N, C-alpha and C. Protein backbone atom coordinates (compact mmCIF):
# COMPACT_ATOMS: atom_id res chain seq x y z
N MET A 1 12.23 99.22 -159.36
CA MET A 1 13.06 99.32 -158.18
C MET A 1 14.39 99.96 -158.57
N GLU A 2 14.87 100.79 -157.70
CA GLU A 2 16.11 101.52 -157.95
C GLU A 2 17.31 100.58 -157.89
N GLU A 3 18.25 100.80 -158.79
CA GLU A 3 19.48 100.01 -158.83
C GLU A 3 20.31 100.31 -157.57
N ALA A 4 20.78 99.28 -156.93
CA ALA A 4 21.59 99.44 -155.72
C ALA A 4 22.94 100.04 -156.08
N SER A 5 23.41 100.94 -155.26
CA SER A 5 24.72 101.54 -155.48
C SER A 5 25.54 101.41 -154.21
N ILE A 6 26.84 101.49 -154.36
CA ILE A 6 27.74 101.25 -153.24
C ILE A 6 27.62 102.33 -152.17
N ASP A 7 27.39 103.59 -152.56
CA ASP A 7 27.39 104.67 -151.59
C ASP A 7 26.06 104.85 -150.87
N LYS A 8 25.04 104.12 -151.25
CA LYS A 8 23.74 104.24 -150.60
C LYS A 8 23.61 103.23 -149.46
N VAL A 9 22.76 103.56 -148.52
CA VAL A 9 22.38 102.63 -147.47
C VAL A 9 21.38 101.67 -148.08
N HIS A 10 21.61 100.37 -147.90
CA HIS A 10 20.75 99.34 -148.45
C HIS A 10 19.84 98.78 -147.37
N ILE A 11 18.53 98.83 -147.63
CA ILE A 11 17.54 98.40 -146.66
C ILE A 11 16.73 97.24 -147.24
N LEU A 12 16.51 96.23 -146.42
CA LEU A 12 15.61 95.14 -146.76
C LEU A 12 14.31 95.37 -146.01
N HIS A 13 13.20 95.42 -146.75
CA HIS A 13 11.88 95.57 -146.12
C HIS A 13 11.07 94.32 -146.41
N VAL A 14 10.57 93.68 -145.34
CA VAL A 14 9.83 92.43 -145.47
C VAL A 14 8.42 92.63 -144.92
N ASP A 15 7.43 92.45 -145.81
CA ASP A 15 6.02 92.57 -145.43
C ASP A 15 5.21 91.73 -146.41
N ASP A 16 4.21 91.02 -145.90
CA ASP A 16 3.41 90.17 -146.79
C ASP A 16 2.41 90.96 -147.63
N ASP A 17 2.15 92.21 -147.30
CA ASP A 17 1.20 93.04 -148.05
C ASP A 17 1.93 93.79 -149.16
N PRO A 18 1.63 93.48 -150.43
CA PRO A 18 2.35 94.14 -151.53
C PRO A 18 2.16 95.66 -151.56
N ASP A 19 0.98 96.14 -151.13
CA ASP A 19 0.75 97.58 -151.11
C ASP A 19 1.64 98.27 -150.07
N VAL A 20 1.78 97.64 -148.91
CA VAL A 20 2.65 98.19 -147.87
C VAL A 20 4.09 98.21 -148.36
N ARG A 21 4.52 97.11 -149.01
CA ARG A 21 5.89 97.06 -149.55
C ARG A 21 6.12 98.18 -150.54
N LEU A 22 5.16 98.41 -151.42
CA LEU A 22 5.29 99.46 -152.43
C LEU A 22 5.37 100.85 -151.79
N LEU A 23 4.48 101.12 -150.85
CA LEU A 23 4.49 102.42 -150.17
C LEU A 23 5.76 102.64 -149.36
N MET A 24 6.17 101.60 -148.62
CA MET A 24 7.37 101.71 -147.80
C MET A 24 8.60 101.91 -148.68
N ALA A 25 8.71 101.14 -149.76
CA ALA A 25 9.86 101.29 -150.66
C ALA A 25 9.91 102.69 -151.23
N GLY A 26 8.76 103.23 -151.61
CA GLY A 26 8.72 104.59 -152.14
C GLY A 26 9.19 105.61 -151.12
N SER A 27 8.71 105.48 -149.88
CA SER A 27 9.12 106.41 -148.82
C SER A 27 10.61 106.31 -148.55
N LEU A 28 11.11 105.08 -148.44
CA LEU A 28 12.53 104.90 -148.15
C LEU A 28 13.41 105.41 -149.29
N GLN A 29 12.97 105.23 -150.52
CA GLN A 29 13.73 105.75 -151.66
C GLN A 29 13.73 107.28 -151.66
N GLU A 30 12.61 107.89 -151.25
CA GLU A 30 12.56 109.34 -151.13
C GLU A 30 13.56 109.84 -150.09
N PHE A 31 13.82 109.04 -149.05
CA PHE A 31 14.81 109.39 -148.04
C PHE A 31 16.23 109.20 -148.56
N GLY A 32 16.37 108.57 -149.73
CA GLY A 32 17.69 108.37 -150.33
C GLY A 32 18.27 106.98 -150.15
N TYR A 33 17.47 106.04 -149.65
CA TYR A 33 17.96 104.69 -149.42
C TYR A 33 17.69 103.80 -150.63
N ALA A 34 18.53 102.80 -150.83
CA ALA A 34 18.28 101.75 -151.80
C ALA A 34 17.49 100.67 -151.08
N VAL A 35 16.40 100.20 -151.69
CA VAL A 35 15.49 99.29 -151.00
C VAL A 35 15.23 98.04 -151.84
N LEU A 36 15.27 96.90 -151.17
CA LEU A 36 14.80 95.65 -151.75
C LEU A 36 13.70 95.14 -150.83
N THR A 37 12.69 94.51 -151.41
CA THR A 37 11.56 94.03 -150.61
C THR A 37 11.37 92.53 -150.78
N ALA A 38 10.74 91.95 -149.77
CA ALA A 38 10.38 90.53 -149.80
C ALA A 38 9.03 90.38 -149.12
N GLY A 39 8.28 89.35 -149.53
CA GLY A 39 6.96 89.11 -148.96
C GLY A 39 6.90 87.93 -148.01
N THR A 40 8.01 87.19 -147.92
CA THR A 40 8.03 86.00 -147.06
C THR A 40 9.38 85.88 -146.36
N VAL A 41 9.41 85.02 -145.35
CA VAL A 41 10.67 84.72 -144.67
C VAL A 41 11.66 84.13 -145.66
N ALA A 42 11.19 83.19 -146.48
CA ALA A 42 12.08 82.52 -147.44
C ALA A 42 12.70 83.51 -148.43
N GLU A 43 11.90 84.43 -148.96
CA GLU A 43 12.43 85.44 -149.89
C GLU A 43 13.46 86.33 -149.19
N ALA A 44 13.16 86.73 -147.97
CA ALA A 44 14.06 87.60 -147.22
C ALA A 44 15.40 86.91 -146.95
N LEU A 45 15.34 85.65 -146.56
CA LEU A 45 16.57 84.92 -146.27
C LEU A 45 17.42 84.74 -147.52
N GLN A 46 16.77 84.49 -148.65
CA GLN A 46 17.52 84.36 -149.90
C GLN A 46 18.23 85.67 -150.24
N LEU A 47 17.53 86.79 -150.09
CA LEU A 47 18.15 88.10 -150.36
C LEU A 47 19.32 88.34 -149.41
N ALA A 48 19.14 87.98 -148.13
CA ALA A 48 20.19 88.22 -147.13
C ALA A 48 21.40 87.31 -147.35
N LYS A 49 21.19 86.17 -147.97
CA LYS A 49 22.31 85.29 -148.30
C LYS A 49 23.12 85.85 -149.47
N ASP A 50 22.42 86.54 -150.37
CA ASP A 50 23.05 87.04 -151.59
C ASP A 50 23.60 88.46 -151.47
N LEU A 51 23.01 89.27 -150.59
CA LEU A 51 23.34 90.69 -150.51
C LEU A 51 23.55 91.12 -149.06
N LYS A 52 24.33 92.18 -148.89
CA LYS A 52 24.56 92.75 -147.55
C LYS A 52 23.64 93.95 -147.39
N PHE A 53 22.98 94.02 -146.24
CA PHE A 53 22.08 95.14 -145.95
C PHE A 53 22.62 95.95 -144.77
N ASN A 54 22.31 97.25 -144.78
CA ASN A 54 22.69 98.13 -143.68
C ASN A 54 21.62 98.15 -142.59
N LEU A 55 20.37 97.76 -142.97
CA LEU A 55 19.26 97.78 -142.03
C LEU A 55 18.15 96.93 -142.60
N CYS A 56 17.37 96.29 -141.71
CA CYS A 56 16.21 95.49 -142.14
C CYS A 56 14.98 95.98 -141.40
N ILE A 57 13.85 96.02 -142.12
CA ILE A 57 12.56 96.37 -141.54
C ILE A 57 11.65 95.17 -141.75
N LEU A 58 11.16 94.59 -140.65
CA LEU A 58 10.42 93.34 -140.72
C LEU A 58 9.02 93.46 -140.15
N ASP A 59 8.05 92.95 -140.90
CA ASP A 59 6.71 92.77 -140.34
C ASP A 59 6.81 91.63 -139.33
N VAL A 60 5.99 91.64 -138.29
CA VAL A 60 6.06 90.60 -137.27
C VAL A 60 5.36 89.33 -137.74
N ARG A 61 4.27 89.48 -138.47
CA ARG A 61 3.51 88.31 -138.94
C ARG A 61 3.68 88.16 -140.44
N LEU A 62 4.26 87.03 -140.82
CA LEU A 62 4.50 86.72 -142.22
C LEU A 62 3.86 85.38 -142.55
N PRO A 63 3.54 85.12 -143.81
CA PRO A 63 2.81 83.90 -144.15
C PRO A 63 3.57 82.61 -143.87
N ASP A 64 4.89 82.65 -143.86
CA ASP A 64 5.67 81.43 -143.65
C ASP A 64 6.53 81.47 -142.39
N GLY A 65 6.14 82.29 -141.42
CA GLY A 65 6.88 82.37 -140.18
C GLY A 65 6.67 83.72 -139.51
N SER A 66 7.46 83.98 -138.49
CA SER A 66 7.33 85.26 -137.79
C SER A 66 8.54 86.15 -138.05
N GLY A 67 8.32 87.44 -137.90
CA GLY A 67 9.43 88.38 -138.03
C GLY A 67 10.48 88.16 -136.97
N ILE A 68 10.07 87.66 -135.79
CA ILE A 68 11.02 87.39 -134.71
C ILE A 68 11.97 86.27 -135.13
N GLU A 69 11.40 85.20 -135.68
CA GLU A 69 12.23 84.09 -136.16
C GLU A 69 13.12 84.55 -137.30
N LEU A 70 12.57 85.36 -138.20
CA LEU A 70 13.35 85.89 -139.32
C LEU A 70 14.51 86.74 -138.79
N CYS A 71 14.24 87.56 -137.80
CA CYS A 71 15.28 88.40 -137.20
C CYS A 71 16.44 87.54 -136.71
N GLN A 72 16.11 86.46 -136.01
CA GLN A 72 17.15 85.59 -135.47
C GLN A 72 17.97 84.95 -136.59
N GLN A 73 17.32 84.57 -137.68
CA GLN A 73 18.03 83.97 -138.80
C GLN A 73 18.88 85.02 -139.55
N LEU A 74 18.34 86.23 -139.68
CA LEU A 74 19.11 87.29 -140.33
C LEU A 74 20.37 87.63 -139.53
N ARG A 75 20.25 87.61 -138.21
CA ARG A 75 21.40 87.92 -137.35
C ARG A 75 22.50 86.88 -137.51
N LYS A 76 22.14 85.64 -137.85
CA LYS A 76 23.16 84.61 -138.10
C LYS A 76 23.89 84.92 -139.41
N LEU A 77 23.16 85.46 -140.39
CA LEU A 77 23.76 85.78 -141.69
C LEU A 77 24.51 87.12 -141.66
N GLN A 78 23.92 88.09 -140.97
CA GLN A 78 24.49 89.44 -140.91
C GLN A 78 24.38 89.94 -139.46
N PRO A 79 25.35 89.54 -138.62
CA PRO A 79 25.24 89.75 -137.17
C PRO A 79 25.05 91.20 -136.71
N ASN A 80 25.56 92.15 -137.43
CA ASN A 80 25.53 93.54 -136.94
C ASN A 80 24.45 94.41 -137.58
N VAL A 81 23.60 93.82 -138.39
CA VAL A 81 22.59 94.63 -139.08
C VAL A 81 21.50 95.07 -138.09
N PRO A 82 21.21 96.37 -138.04
CA PRO A 82 20.10 96.83 -137.21
C PRO A 82 18.77 96.33 -137.79
N ILE A 83 17.86 95.94 -136.90
CA ILE A 83 16.58 95.40 -137.35
C ILE A 83 15.44 96.13 -136.63
N VAL A 84 14.49 96.60 -137.46
CA VAL A 84 13.31 97.31 -136.98
C VAL A 84 12.09 96.45 -137.27
N TYR A 85 11.28 96.20 -136.25
CA TYR A 85 9.98 95.56 -136.47
C TYR A 85 9.00 96.67 -136.85
N TYR A 86 8.12 96.33 -137.78
CA TYR A 86 7.12 97.28 -138.27
C TYR A 86 5.82 96.50 -138.38
N SER A 87 4.91 96.71 -137.42
CA SER A 87 3.74 95.85 -137.35
C SER A 87 2.50 96.60 -136.89
N ALA A 88 1.36 96.07 -137.30
CA ALA A 88 0.08 96.60 -136.83
C ALA A 88 -0.26 96.07 -135.44
N CYS A 89 0.48 95.08 -134.98
CA CYS A 89 0.24 94.50 -133.66
C CYS A 89 0.67 95.48 -132.58
N ALA A 90 -0.29 95.95 -131.81
CA ALA A 90 0.01 96.96 -130.79
C ALA A 90 0.21 96.34 -129.41
N ASP A 91 0.16 95.04 -129.33
CA ASP A 91 0.25 94.34 -128.06
C ASP A 91 1.62 94.59 -127.41
N ASP A 92 1.61 95.16 -126.20
CA ASP A 92 2.85 95.47 -125.49
C ASP A 92 3.68 94.23 -125.21
N ALA A 93 3.01 93.12 -124.87
CA ALA A 93 3.73 91.88 -124.56
C ALA A 93 4.47 91.38 -125.80
N LEU A 94 3.83 91.46 -126.97
CA LEU A 94 4.48 91.03 -128.20
C LEU A 94 5.68 91.92 -128.52
N GLN A 95 5.52 93.22 -128.31
CA GLN A 95 6.64 94.14 -128.55
C GLN A 95 7.81 93.81 -127.64
N ARG A 96 7.53 93.60 -126.36
CA ARG A 96 8.60 93.26 -125.41
C ARG A 96 9.28 91.95 -125.79
N GLU A 97 8.46 90.94 -126.14
CA GLU A 97 9.03 89.65 -126.53
C GLU A 97 9.91 89.80 -127.76
N ALA A 98 9.42 90.52 -128.77
CA ALA A 98 10.17 90.69 -130.01
C ALA A 98 11.52 91.35 -129.73
N LEU A 99 11.51 92.41 -128.96
CA LEU A 99 12.75 93.15 -128.70
C LEU A 99 13.67 92.40 -127.74
N SER A 100 13.11 91.59 -126.85
CA SER A 100 13.97 90.84 -125.94
C SER A 100 14.67 89.68 -126.65
N ARG A 101 14.01 89.12 -127.65
CA ARG A 101 14.59 87.99 -128.38
C ARG A 101 15.54 88.43 -129.49
N CYS A 102 15.19 89.51 -130.15
CA CYS A 102 16.00 89.97 -131.28
C CYS A 102 15.38 91.27 -131.80
N GLY A 103 16.20 92.15 -132.31
CA GLY A 103 15.69 93.39 -132.88
C GLY A 103 16.13 94.60 -132.10
N ASP A 104 16.04 95.75 -132.77
CA ASP A 104 16.54 96.99 -132.18
C ASP A 104 15.48 98.05 -131.95
N ALA A 105 14.36 97.97 -132.68
CA ALA A 105 13.29 98.97 -132.54
C ALA A 105 11.98 98.33 -133.00
N TYR A 106 10.88 98.92 -132.55
CA TYR A 106 9.56 98.41 -132.90
C TYR A 106 8.68 99.60 -133.22
N LEU A 107 8.22 99.69 -134.46
CA LEU A 107 7.32 100.76 -134.88
C LEU A 107 5.96 100.16 -135.17
N GLN A 108 4.92 100.89 -134.78
CA GLN A 108 3.57 100.41 -135.00
C GLN A 108 2.99 101.03 -136.26
N LYS A 109 2.38 100.20 -137.12
CA LYS A 109 1.71 100.68 -138.33
C LYS A 109 0.43 101.38 -137.93
N PRO A 110 0.03 102.43 -138.59
CA PRO A 110 0.84 103.18 -139.55
C PRO A 110 1.83 104.08 -138.81
N VAL A 111 2.93 104.35 -139.45
CA VAL A 111 3.95 105.20 -138.84
C VAL A 111 4.13 106.44 -139.70
N PHE A 112 4.39 107.56 -139.06
CA PHE A 112 4.67 108.79 -139.80
C PHE A 112 6.06 108.70 -140.42
N ALA A 113 6.20 109.26 -141.60
CA ALA A 113 7.48 109.21 -142.31
C ALA A 113 8.62 109.77 -141.46
N ALA A 114 8.35 110.85 -140.73
CA ALA A 114 9.40 111.46 -139.91
C ALA A 114 9.87 110.50 -138.80
N GLU A 115 8.93 109.76 -138.21
CA GLU A 115 9.30 108.81 -137.15
C GLU A 115 10.12 107.66 -137.74
N LEU A 116 9.72 107.20 -138.92
CA LEU A 116 10.47 106.14 -139.59
C LEU A 116 11.89 106.60 -139.91
N GLU A 117 12.01 107.76 -140.49
CA GLU A 117 13.33 108.30 -140.85
C GLU A 117 14.19 108.51 -139.61
N GLN A 118 13.60 109.02 -138.56
CA GLN A 118 14.35 109.26 -137.31
C GLN A 118 14.84 107.94 -136.71
N THR A 119 14.00 106.92 -136.72
CA THR A 119 14.38 105.62 -136.18
C THR A 119 15.52 105.01 -136.99
N ILE A 120 15.40 105.05 -138.31
CA ILE A 120 16.44 104.51 -139.19
C ILE A 120 17.75 105.26 -138.99
N ALA A 121 17.68 106.57 -139.02
CA ALA A 121 18.90 107.38 -138.86
C ALA A 121 19.57 107.11 -137.52
N GLY A 122 18.77 106.99 -136.46
CA GLY A 122 19.32 106.72 -135.14
C GLY A 122 20.02 105.37 -135.07
N LEU A 123 19.41 104.35 -135.66
CA LEU A 123 20.02 103.01 -135.65
C LEU A 123 21.29 102.97 -136.50
N LEU A 124 21.25 103.61 -137.65
CA LEU A 124 22.45 103.64 -138.50
C LEU A 124 23.58 104.42 -137.85
N ASN A 125 23.23 105.51 -137.19
CA ASN A 125 24.23 106.32 -136.50
C ASN A 125 24.84 105.53 -135.34
N ARG A 126 24.00 104.81 -134.60
CA ARG A 126 24.48 104.00 -133.49
C ARG A 126 25.41 102.90 -133.99
N LYS A 127 25.06 102.29 -135.12
CA LYS A 127 25.88 101.22 -135.69
C LYS A 127 27.25 101.76 -136.08
N GLU A 128 27.30 102.96 -136.65
CA GLU A 128 28.57 103.57 -137.05
C GLU A 128 29.48 103.80 -135.86
N HIS A 129 28.91 104.08 -134.69
CA HIS A 129 29.71 104.40 -133.51
C HIS A 129 30.02 103.18 -132.65
N ASP A 130 29.50 102.02 -133.01
CA ASP A 130 29.80 100.79 -132.25
C ASP A 130 31.16 100.23 -132.60
């Protein structure tokens, strides 16, 4: 994993699938971001207590809770961090519920790298102008 630096955007990616975490981290690092990953809600919360992130990408279904619940807990720790859900769940009702309760964007797996980069850039740009 790449060493975090002050001038880079720091992203937390949470997914229970280690292969997805590895692929996502590689893609995000290619975009120039510093990435830390977690496989559970507990791991993610510990990282968020110890480090500040510019953006979080969360799977909706995790082994020890939901991404929606994690989003709400992350917002208590880091209120202004943009949060993107990244899930294989295509259910429109789940997407609406997730975004109405917490979160800024919802991407469906698999996602094209360009769509991921565009979503991240848009959220970071919006955060800078808030």
